[in-house]
Protein backbone atom coordinates (compact mmCIF):
# COMPACT_ATOMS: atom_id res chain seq x y z
CA UNK A 1 -7.93 -7.68 -25.08
CA UNK A 2 -7.42 -6.52 -21.63
CA UNK A 3 -6.75 -8.87 -18.90
CA UNK A 4 -8.61 -7.72 -15.56
CA UNK A 5 -5.45 -7.80 -13.30
CA UNK A 6 -5.64 -4.47 -12.27
CA UNK A 7 -4.22 -3.65 -8.57
CA UNK A 8 -6.64 -2.66 -6.12
CA UNK A 9 -6.64 1.43 -4.81
CA UNK A 10 -7.65 0.25 -1.39
CA UNK A 11 -5.97 -3.10 0.30
CA UNK A 12 -8.16 -6.28 0.53
CA UNK A 13 -8.02 -6.33 4.01
CA UNK A 14 -9.56 -2.85 4.50
CA UNK A 15 -12.26 -3.86 2.16
CA UNK A 16 -13.05 -6.44 4.41
CA UNK A 17 -13.32 -4.31 7.37
CA UNK A 18 -15.37 -1.58 6.05
CA UNK A 19 -17.38 -4.01 4.64
CA UNK A 20 -18.00 -5.62 8.13
CA UNK A 21 -18.33 -1.84 9.70
CA UNK A 22 -15.80 -2.30 11.88
CA UNK A 23 -12.47 -0.89 10.52
CA UNK A 24 -11.35 2.62 11.53
CA UNK A 25 -7.45 3.19 10.93
CA UNK A 26 -6.55 6.28 12.58
CA UNK A 27 -7.26 9.14 15.69
CA UNK A 28 -8.15 12.02 13.84
CA UNK A 29 -7.40 15.35 14.94
CA UNK A 30 -9.82 17.69 15.46
CA UNK A 31 -8.35 21.00 15.85
CA UNK A 32 -5.51 22.12 13.57
CA UNK A 33 -4.15 25.46 12.73
CA UNK A 34 -4.12 27.28 9.07
CA UNK A 35 -0.93 26.63 7.29
CA UNK A 36 0.95 28.89 5.16
CA UNK A 37 0.29 27.99 1.34
CA UNK A 38 3.09 26.97 -0.39
CA UNK A 39 1.99 27.64 -4.09
CA UNK A 40 0.81 30.58 -5.80
CA UNK A 41 -2.39 28.48 -7.04
CA UNK A 42 -3.21 27.80 -3.43
CA UNK A 43 -2.60 31.09 -2.49
CA UNK A 44 -5.33 32.69 -4.51
CA UNK A 45 -5.24 35.33 -7.33
CA UNK A 46 -6.56 39.10 -6.95
CA UNK A 47 -9.81 38.58 -8.43
CA UNK A 48 -12.60 39.81 -6.77
CA UNK A 49 -15.69 37.25 -6.07
CA UNK A 50 -17.79 39.47 -4.38
CA UNK A 51 -18.35 43.28 -3.00
CA UNK A 52 -19.81 44.27 0.11
CA UNK A 53 -20.63 47.68 1.06
CA UNK A 54 -18.29 48.92 -1.65
CA UNK A 55 -15.67 46.53 -0.04
CA UNK A 56 -13.98 43.64 -2.48
CA UNK A 57 -13.69 40.37 -1.12
CA UNK A 58 -10.81 38.47 -3.16
CA UNK A 59 -10.11 34.89 -4.24
CA UNK A 60 -6.99 34.97 -2.15
CA UNK A 61 -8.89 36.43 0.84
CA UNK A 62 -11.41 33.42 0.51
CA UNK A 63 -8.71 30.68 0.26
CA UNK A 64 -6.40 32.21 2.66
CA UNK A 65 -9.67 32.11 5.35
CA UNK A 66 -9.85 28.39 4.47
CA UNK A 67 -6.29 27.44 3.58
CA UNK A 68 -6.17 24.19 5.76
CA UNK A 69 -9.28 23.00 3.77
CA UNK A 70 -7.98 23.98 0.60
CA UNK A 71 -4.54 22.49 1.07
CA UNK A 72 -6.03 19.32 2.12
CA UNK A 73 -7.82 19.41 -1.17
CA UNK A 74 -5.12 19.90 -2.79
CA UNK A 75 -3.37 17.24 -1.06
CA UNK A 76 -5.97 14.55 -1.53
CA UNK A 77 -6.41 15.37 -5.60
CA UNK A 78 -2.79 14.96 -6.41
CA UNK A 79 -2.78 11.73 -4.26
CA UNK A 80 -5.48 10.34 -5.96
CA UNK A 81 -4.23 11.40 -8.94
CA UNK A 82 -1.16 9.79 -8.75
CA UNK A 83 -2.26 6.68 -7.41
CA UNK A 84 -4.60 6.44 -10.74
CA UNK A 85 -1.48 6.44 -12.74
CA UNK A 86 0.63 4.36 -10.54
CA UNK A 87 -2.49 1.70 -10.95
CA UNK A 88 -3.04 2.39 -14.52
CA UNK A 89 0.81 1.98 -15.03
CA UNK A 90 1.17 -1.22 -13.14
CA UNK A 91 -1.83 -2.55 -15.04
CA UNK A 92 0.21 -1.64 -18.59
CA UNK A 93 3.36 -3.48 -17.34
CA UNK A 94 1.57 -6.64 -16.48
CA UNK A 95 -0.16 -6.23 -19.92
CA UNK A 96 3.39 -5.88 -21.51
CA UNK A 97 4.85 -8.68 -19.72
CA UNK A 98 2.09 -11.50 -20.38
CA UNK A 99 2.01 -10.46 -24.01
CA UNK A 100 5.87 -11.04 -23.84
CA UNK A 101 5.84 -14.28 -21.71
CA UNK A 102 3.23 -15.46 -24.16
CA UNK A 103 4.99 -14.52 -27.28
CA UNK A 104 7.90 -16.38 -25.77
CA UNK A 105 6.23 -19.77 -25.16
CA UNK A 106 4.20 -19.54 -28.37
CA UNK A 107 0.84 -19.67 -26.69
CA UNK A 108 -2.07 -17.52 -26.38
CA UNK A 109 -2.42 -14.92 -23.12
CA UNK A 110 -5.34 -16.87 -21.64
CA UNK A 111 -3.07 -20.27 -21.67
CA UNK A 112 -0.63 -18.49 -19.58
CA UNK A 113 -2.84 -16.63 -17.04
CA UNK A 114 -4.75 -20.41 -16.75
CA UNK A 115 -1.98 -21.39 -14.58
CA UNK A 116 -2.64 -18.82 -12.06
CA UNK A 117 -4.00 -21.31 -9.44
CA UNK A 118 -4.23 -19.73 -6.02
CA UNK A 119 -5.01 -22.37 -3.09
CA UNK A 120 -8.19 -23.27 -1.96
CA UNK A 121 -9.36 -21.58 1.26
CA UNK A 122 -10.28 -24.29 3.77
CA UNK A 123 -12.39 -23.53 6.78
CA UNK A 124 -9.42 -23.68 9.22
CA UNK A 125 -7.64 -20.64 7.23
CA UNK A 126 -10.85 -18.76 8.09
CA UNK A 127 -11.02 -19.93 11.71
CA UNK A 128 -7.24 -18.72 11.90
CA UNK A 129 -8.10 -15.38 10.49
CA UNK A 130 -11.09 -14.66 12.65
CA UNK A 131 -9.07 -15.68 15.94
CA UNK A 132 -6.02 -13.39 14.50
CA UNK A 133 -8.44 -10.51 13.94
CA UNK A 134 -11.35 -11.16 16.13
CA UNK A 135 -10.59 -7.88 18.33
CA UNK A 136 -11.45 -5.95 15.21
CA UNK A 137 -14.53 -8.00 14.40
CA UNK A 138 -16.75 -7.62 16.90
CA UNK A 139 -19.67 -10.33 15.42
CA UNK A 140 -19.80 -13.86 16.04
CA UNK A 141 -17.69 -16.04 13.59
CA UNK A 142 -21.11 -17.77 12.03
CA UNK A 143 -21.95 -14.09 11.06
CA UNK A 144 -18.87 -13.21 8.84
CA UNK A 145 -17.30 -16.26 7.95
CA UNK A 146 -18.75 -16.22 4.04
CA UNK A 147 -17.04 -12.79 4.03
CA UNK A 148 -13.81 -13.95 5.73
CA UNK A 149 -13.60 -16.97 3.05
CA UNK A 150 -14.32 -14.35 -0.07
CA UNK A 151 -11.75 -12.15 1.15
CA UNK A 152 -9.45 -14.76 1.77
CA UNK A 153 -9.84 -16.54 -1.83
CA UNK A 154 -9.36 -12.68 -3.19
CA UNK A 155 -6.37 -12.48 -1.36
CA UNK A 156 -5.00 -15.77 -2.62
CA UNK A 157 -5.53 -14.82 -6.41
CA UNK A 158 -4.06 -11.59 -5.65
CA UNK A 159 -1.31 -13.10 -4.25
CA UNK A 160 -0.76 -15.67 -6.96
CA UNK A 161 -0.95 -12.64 -9.52
CA UNK A 162 1.75 -11.00 -7.47
CA UNK A 163 4.23 -13.53 -7.46
CA UNK A 164 3.26 -14.18 -11.10
CA UNK A 165 4.16 -10.81 -12.19
CA UNK A 166 6.99 -10.76 -9.78
CA UNK A 167 8.63 -13.38 -11.56
CA UNK A 168 8.18 -11.98 -14.92
CA UNK A 169 9.36 -8.66 -13.36
CA UNK A 170 12.84 -10.37 -12.74
CA UNK A 171 12.83 -12.38 -16.32
CA UNK A 172 12.05 -9.46 -18.46
CA UNK A 173 13.83 -6.57 -16.36
CA UNK A 174 11.31 -3.77 -15.63
CA UNK A 175 12.48 -0.39 -14.95
CA UNK A 176 10.50 2.10 -13.39
CA UNK A 177 10.94 5.70 -14.29
CA UNK A 178 8.17 7.54 -12.93
CA UNK A 179 9.11 8.64 -9.16
CA UNK A 180 5.98 8.41 -6.47
CA UNK A 181 4.52 11.14 -4.51
CA UNK A 182 7.37 12.19 -1.72
CA UNK A 183 7.15 14.28 1.23
CA UNK A 184 10.21 16.20 2.71
CA UNK A 185 9.65 14.96 6.30
CA UNK A 186 12.91 15.09 8.67
CA UNK A 187 13.84 11.61 10.19
CA UNK A 188 14.71 13.50 13.68
CA UNK A 189 14.02 11.47 17.01
CA UNK A 190 14.24 7.87 18.75
CA UNK A 191 15.74 5.64 16.08
CA UNK A 192 15.91 1.84 15.53
CA UNK A 193 18.06 0.59 12.73
CA UNK A 194 21.22 1.79 10.82
CA UNK A 195 21.64 5.74 9.62
CA UNK A 196 22.44 4.28 6.40
CA UNK A 197 19.41 1.92 5.84
CA UNK A 198 18.28 2.18 2.07
CA UNK A 199 14.76 2.58 3.59
CA UNK A 200 13.62 5.20 6.41
CA UNK A 201 10.41 4.94 8.25
CA UNK A 202 9.30 8.05 9.70
CA UNK A 203 6.04 7.56 12.05
CA UNK A 204 3.97 10.01 13.94
CA UNK A 205 2.53 8.59 16.92
CA UNK A 206 0.60 9.23 19.99
CA UNK A 207 0.61 7.39 22.93
CA UNK A 208 -2.77 7.21 24.21
CA UNK A 209 -4.26 6.66 20.17
CA UNK A 210 -5.96 2.91 20.23
CA UNK A 211 -4.86 2.61 16.60
CA UNK A 212 -1.29 3.60 17.40
CA UNK A 213 -0.99 0.30 19.62
CA UNK A 214 -2.19 -1.61 16.34
CA UNK A 215 0.62 -0.60 14.62
CA UNK A 216 2.94 -1.79 16.72
CA UNK A 217 3.32 -5.60 16.00
CA UNK A 218 3.29 -4.42 12.53
CA UNK A 219 6.28 -2.56 12.72
CA UNK A 220 7.90 -5.09 14.77
CA UNK A 221 7.13 -7.35 11.81
CA UNK A 222 8.55 -5.05 9.64
CA UNK A 223 12.13 -4.98 11.58
CA UNK A 224 11.78 -8.60 11.68
CA UNK A 225 11.64 -9.14 8.10
CA UNK A 226 14.04 -6.18 6.58
CA UNK A 227 16.37 -5.96 9.37
CA UNK A 228 18.98 -3.25 8.47
CA UNK A 229 17.35 -2.43 5.66
CA UNK A 230 15.18 -0.53 7.16
CA UNK A 231 15.65 2.37 10.15
CA UNK A 232 12.33 3.53 11.96
CA UNK A 233 12.37 7.29 13.83
CA UNK A 234 9.50 7.68 16.00
CA UNK A 235 8.28 11.59 16.06
CA UNK A 236 5.33 12.81 18.44
CA UNK A 237 2.09 13.81 17.54
CA UNK A 238 -0.15 13.80 20.46
CA UNK A 239 -3.67 14.85 19.88
CA UNK A 240 -5.69 16.80 22.02
CA UNK A 241 -8.47 15.57 22.92
CA UNK A 242 -6.49 12.77 24.29
CA UNK A 243 -5.66 14.15 27.64
CA UNK A 244 -2.68 12.08 28.69
CA UNK A 245 -0.52 11.88 25.59
CA UNK A 246 1.20 15.01 25.95
CA UNK A 247 2.69 14.02 29.17
CA UNK A 248 2.99 10.52 27.89
CA UNK A 249 5.14 11.95 24.80
CA UNK A 250 7.19 14.41 27.26
CA UNK A 251 7.89 11.11 29.41
CA UNK A 252 9.12 8.97 26.21
CA UNK A 253 11.77 11.97 25.80
CA UNK A 254 12.58 11.87 29.35
CA UNK A 255 13.52 8.29 29.03
CA UNK A 256 15.34 8.63 25.85
CA UNK A 257 17.49 11.25 28.04
CA UNK A 258 18.59 8.25 29.79
CA UNK A 259 19.10 5.63 26.90
CA UNK A 260 15.74 3.85 27.38
CA UNK A 261 13.15 5.79 24.73
CA UNK A 262 12.02 2.60 23.03
CA UNK A 263 11.78 0.53 26.92
CA UNK A 264 9.36 3.27 27.38
CA UNK A 265 7.30 3.44 24.41
CA UNK A 266 6.71 -0.54 24.52
CA UNK A 267 5.71 -0.11 28.30
CA UNK A 268 3.16 3.02 27.66
CA UNK A 269 1.60 0.98 24.29
CA UNK A 270 1.27 -1.94 26.24
CA UNK A 271 -0.97 -0.06 28.54
CA UNK A 272 -2.56 2.93 27.63
CA UNK A 273 -5.17 2.86 30.50
CA UNK A 274 -2.28 3.82 32.69
CA UNK A 275 -0.44 7.11 31.17
CA UNK A 276 -1.17 9.40 34.06
CA UNK A 277 1.82 11.29 35.33
CA UNK A 278 1.92 9.19 38.61
CA UNK A 279 1.77 5.97 36.49
CA UNK A 280 4.18 7.53 34.07
CA UNK A 281 6.76 7.80 36.63
CA UNK A 282 6.12 4.30 38.43
CA UNK A 283 6.69 3.05 34.92
CA UNK A 284 10.19 4.77 34.90
CA UNK A 285 10.90 3.02 38.28
CA UNK A 286 9.89 -0.29 36.81
CA UNK A 287 12.52 0.09 33.76
CA UNK A 288 15.34 1.19 36.08
CA UNK A 289 15.26 5.17 35.29
CA UNK A 290 16.88 7.68 37.44
CA UNK A 291 13.48 8.68 39.43
CA UNK A 292 14.83 12.21 40.74
CA UNK A 293 16.02 12.75 36.69
CA UNK A 294 12.83 11.39 35.10
CA UNK A 295 10.56 12.98 37.31
CA UNK A 296 11.87 16.50 37.08
CA UNK A 297 12.16 16.07 33.35
CA UNK A 298 8.31 15.17 33.59
CA UNK A 299 7.22 18.05 35.82
CA UNK A 300 9.24 20.84 33.97
CA UNK A 301 7.87 19.75 30.21
CA UNK A 302 11.55 20.02 29.22
CA UNK A 303 10.44 18.68 26.14
CA UNK A 304 7.53 20.05 25.65
CA UNK A 305 8.77 22.23 22.80
CA UNK A 306 10.34 19.77 20.92
CA UNK A 307 6.78 17.69 20.93
CA UNK A 308 5.23 21.01 19.46
CA UNK A 309 7.96 20.95 16.91
CA UNK A 310 7.35 17.30 15.74
CA UNK A 311 3.54 18.40 15.20
CA UNK A 312 4.17 21.28 13.46
CA UNK A 313 6.59 19.22 11.07
CA UNK A 314 3.80 16.42 11.02
CA UNK A 315 1.18 18.96 10.16
CA UNK A 316 3.21 20.67 7.33
CA UNK A 317 3.81 17.00 5.81
CA UNK A 318 -0.14 16.53 5.98
CA UNK A 319 -0.58 14.51 9.22
CA UNK A 320 -3.89 15.24 10.68
CA UNK A 321 -4.37 12.20 12.59
CA UNK A 322 -2.34 9.03 13.85
CA UNK A 323 -0.59 6.63 13.18
CA UNK A 324 0.93 8.35 10.45
CA UNK A 325 3.78 7.08 8.47
CA UNK A 326 6.36 7.86 5.72
CA UNK A 327 8.39 5.63 4.13
CA UNK A 328 11.08 7.33 2.36
CA UNK A 329 8.69 10.11 1.90
CA UNK A 330 5.75 8.01 0.83
CA UNK A 331 3.09 8.60 2.96
CA UNK A 332 0.47 6.03 4.66
CA UNK A 333 -2.02 6.72 7.06
CA UNK A 334 -3.26 4.74 9.77
CA UNK A 335 -2.99 1.33 11.19
CA UNK A 336 -2.56 -0.31 7.89
CA UNK A 337 -2.11 -4.18 7.24
CA UNK A 338 1.51 -5.24 7.40
CA UNK A 339 1.03 -6.45 3.59
CA UNK A 340 0.09 -2.46 2.59
CA UNK A 341 3.75 -1.10 4.35
CA UNK A 342 5.60 -4.33 3.02
CA UNK A 343 4.71 -3.63 -0.83
CA UNK A 344 5.92 -0.06 -0.50
CA UNK A 345 9.36 -1.19 1.40
CA UNK A 346 9.70 -4.02 -1.23
CA UNK A 347 9.14 -1.19 -4.09
CA UNK A 348 11.98 1.12 -2.44
CA UNK A 349 14.32 -1.52 -2.39
CA UNK A 350 14.07 -2.44 -5.84
CA UNK A 351 14.33 1.67 -6.86
CA UNK A 352 17.64 1.43 -4.83
CA UNK A 353 19.03 -1.86 -6.37
CA UNK A 354 18.40 -3.82 -3.08
CA UNK A 355 17.81 -7.31 -3.08
CA UNK A 356 14.18 -8.28 -1.96
CA UNK A 357 13.78 -11.46 0.44
CA UNK A 358 11.06 -13.96 -0.71
CA UNK A 359 10.07 -14.74 2.97
């Protein structure tokens, strides 16, 4: 008997917002230069696909002309394949744990599963969720209350399962041998957290991107929960269609020169409508930066090359929009919920033998 407890491929909160038609998780880049292919397969072969006026067109030529698209397709295929494999492995582990626990108790598996009873969802729970997320749900509460309740019930069920199987994993010692897909991304840039933290999060962001600002409270929640177990590294990815993003990125690094990157970071994200150069200089003055030094830095484009280097590295790693984060090299795209990030962090901590807090 297969027990239906497969891990969903899309986090529940995303399913809810997709259903409501209001969720867009990232600012997407519109113009990206072609990148060099890094495998023989992606580079193509010498096979002739067509001949025009006696001149052949090879497979390699065609692939090179659309290198970016082929690379993205290859990466998407690899990611989806691994996601399915991980989900199927998770199901197999849960099934084995359930069989082991049922045998230890001398009862049927159904009897063990019958104990999974999530708390009932109340009207107060629905009200609280709506108030917390109403900026992303531009509809009256009465129109979406039923969907919110259904979502919260689903989340409650998943949480009960997660806690149940988490206890069984501790009880029966589960060892994960399969490594997740990781992308090598240099952790260079302004940093919060200890250099020897077991988890490093590299974030590519755009100060004018509204979805990047939505990730700010989530990242603060990460830092509050995990403390010195996590190091956060900020890298620049200003999108071309955000007219103030480039100078805002430069301003953040000019502030970093004076030891106040994170103060400038927070000030700019707190008011994304005030990112023109004159406004950036005013913010710097309010933060107590040396005006002449900061203004000269911004006006001269001192850090423009460093920002382009960040963007080149981000593009090579698969970043096409913001925000984009890499948790020990594991890619997450968009302003996803805290729970999705925490799941990956917890898994990384377990893999390194670090105690995961229950809070």
